[in-house]
Amino acid sequence: MIILAFIVIALVAGFVANYLVAGKRKYENWELFVIGIVGSFVGGLIFSMIGDGDLEIRPTGLIGSCIGAIVALVIYGPVRDQLRKRNIG
């Protein structure tokens, strides 16, 4: 059950980050899922540890996952653009 919740939270975090940050960039759904997983690991873990120190699913974990996904997307976007320029030209 916890794995299913983690997958859903990762998807939500990736799509929220895309909605808030993407701008002109268009991301594939799998990219947003991976960004959501990275954000969930980083942000969710940090926010959960700040709380009680346990790893239960809470609203702070979802908020932390979204913030982590936003940070990951801000880093990933320019890197992806540079890699695509290098492969095309």
Protein backbone atom coordinates (compact mmCIF):
# COMPACT_ATOMS: atom_id res chain seq x y z
CA MET A 1 0.00 0.00 0.00
CA ILE A 2 2.82 2.38 0.83
CA ILE A 3 4.40 1.81 -2.59
CA LEU A 4 1.15 2.70 -4.35
CA ALA A 5 0.85 5.86 -2.26
CA PHE A 6 4.46 6.74 -3.09
CA ILE A 7 3.78 6.32 -6.83
CA VAL A 8 0.68 8.51 -6.66
CA ILE A 9 2.49 11.19 -4.66
CA ALA A 10 5.40 11.12 -7.15
CA LEU A 11 3.00 11.58 -10.07
CA VAL A 12 1.19 14.43 -8.36
CA ALA A 13 4.45 16.14 -7.40
CA GLY A 14 5.80 15.87 -10.97
CA PHE A 15 2.66 17.31 -12.53
CA VAL A 16 2.41 20.11 -9.94
CA ALA A 17 6.04 21.02 -10.60
CA ASN A 18 5.37 21.00 -14.35
CA TYR A 19 2.34 23.25 -13.91
CA LEU A 20 4.27 25.75 -11.79
CA VAL A 21 7.66 25.80 -13.53
CA ALA A 22 7.59 24.47 -17.10
CA GLY A 23 6.89 27.64 -19.07
CA LYS A 24 7.74 26.97 -22.74
CA ARG A 25 9.31 23.58 -22.08
CA LYS A 26 7.21 20.53 -22.78
CA TYR A 27 8.03 17.41 -20.78
CA GLU A 28 7.04 13.83 -21.43
CA ASN A 29 4.94 12.07 -18.80
CA TRP A 30 7.77 9.68 -17.94
CA GLU A 31 10.08 12.64 -17.32
CA LEU A 32 7.56 14.17 -14.93
CA PHE A 33 7.22 10.83 -13.13
CA VAL A 34 10.99 10.57 -12.66
CA ILE A 35 11.14 14.20 -11.51
CA GLY A 36 8.33 13.42 -9.08
CA ILE A 37 10.22 10.41 -7.71
CA VAL A 38 13.37 12.46 -7.23
CA GLY A 39 11.35 15.22 -5.58
CA SER A 40 9.59 12.73 -3.35
CA PHE A 41 12.84 11.22 -2.19
CA VAL A 42 14.57 14.52 -1.57
CA GLY A 43 11.78 16.82 -0.43
CA GLY A 44 9.58 14.23 1.22
CA LEU A 45 12.46 12.76 3.19
CA ILE A 46 13.67 16.15 4.39
CA PHE A 47 10.20 17.34 5.38
CA SER A 48 9.39 14.04 7.11
CA MET A 49 12.62 14.11 9.09
CA ILE A 50 12.02 17.71 10.16
CA GLY A 51 8.64 16.65 11.56
CA ASP A 52 8.69 13.66 13.93
CA GLY A 53 11.59 11.77 12.40
CA ASP A 54 9.48 8.95 11.00
CA LEU A 55 8.58 8.23 7.39
CA GLU A 56 4.79 8.17 7.46
CA ILE A 57 2.67 9.69 4.72
CA ARG A 58 1.55 13.14 5.77
CA PRO A 59 0.57 16.41 4.08
CA THR A 60 4.02 17.81 4.86
CA GLY A 61 5.51 14.96 2.86
CA LEU A 62 3.35 15.88 -0.14
CA ILE A 63 4.35 19.52 0.18
CA GLY A 64 8.00 18.52 0.52
CA SER A 65 7.68 16.24 -2.50
CA CYS A 66 6.26 19.08 -4.59
CA ILE A 67 9.00 21.47 -3.50
CA GLY A 68 11.65 18.83 -4.20
CA ALA A 69 10.13 18.18 -7.64
CA ILE A 70 10.13 21.89 -8.42
CA VAL A 71 13.82 22.13 -7.52
CA ALA A 72 14.60 19.02 -9.56
CA LEU A 73 12.68 20.37 -12.56
CA VAL A 74 14.44 23.74 -12.37
CA ILE A 75 17.77 21.89 -12.50
CA TYR A 76 16.72 19.28 -15.07
CA GLY A 77 15.18 21.67 -17.64
CA PRO A 78 18.34 23.54 -18.68
CA VAL A 79 20.42 20.35 -18.53
CA ARG A 80 17.98 18.61 -20.88
CA ASP A 81 18.03 21.57 -23.26
CA GLN A 82 21.85 21.57 -23.39
CA LEU A 83 21.96 17.82 -24.06
CA ARG A 84 19.43 18.14 -26.86
CA LYS A 85 21.40 21.00 -28.47
CA ARG A 86 24.56 18.95 -28.30
CA ASN A 87 22.92 15.90 -29.92
CA ILE A 88 21.26 17.90 -32.72
CA GLY A 89 24.22 19.99 -33.78
